[in-house]
């Protein structure tokens, strides 16, 4: 970086960017369930299979759920969601990548995080019944590396040569199915609620993932304006504040 100097002190405006070695991830879908199922940044609306949305969350019974049909081929991404299940024993499907045609997918398995078909379950006690947890999954297609997190803590890491964690891309859309079991078993589901769902177009860093359990990072460094006597970099953060209201059915 070149440093500009002058004999006259003037206000400086710096745009600080991530290191070239880092992958900068942009958020491409953001669902906060503030009374609807729309994407707050203007993307596609989630498709419900029953359940109801309130001013702050989507509530569901077992085998109700949501579908996201993104108009992107997502092989490198971060998927993050804050949810709770009423049951965490046995297998309870959280994310399906094959449009409900396969038993593979991301599960809560006896209170552990497991990507069935890809890797074994993580440490015991990662989930508790009726307690919100933040689950994040990152995939880097150049390395095939997939990492699963619960509340900012890495649960496992593996090489996804078989593309188990790649959402099926058909007719121009990548489909994620949330909290609904596939047609193979149909019994591995739980009631509960989802607070938010977010999708980024690249894997977030471990530091950004760690921040998801309390705040949602806007990847990339924000511009700092003012008199500068030294270098200062800060990340932009956004908190969502929720209030309760009556639930609104989303469909049968």
Foldseek 3Di string as FASTA:
>chain_A
DDDDDDPDFDWDWDFDWDDPVDDFKAWDFKAQLQVAQHGPVHFDGKDWQKFWTWRFWTWWFWQTFIKDWALDQAQFKKKKWKKAFQDQEAWAAFKQQEQQPDQFHWTSYQCFTDGPPFDGTFDHNLHDHQDIWMWMWGADNVQQKIWIDILLHTGDIDRPPVSSVGHDADPSTGMMIGQHHGPPPRPRGGTIIIRMMIMIRHGDDSVQSNCPNPWHWRTIWGMDTTRDPDDDTDTDIDDDDGDTDDIDMPYD
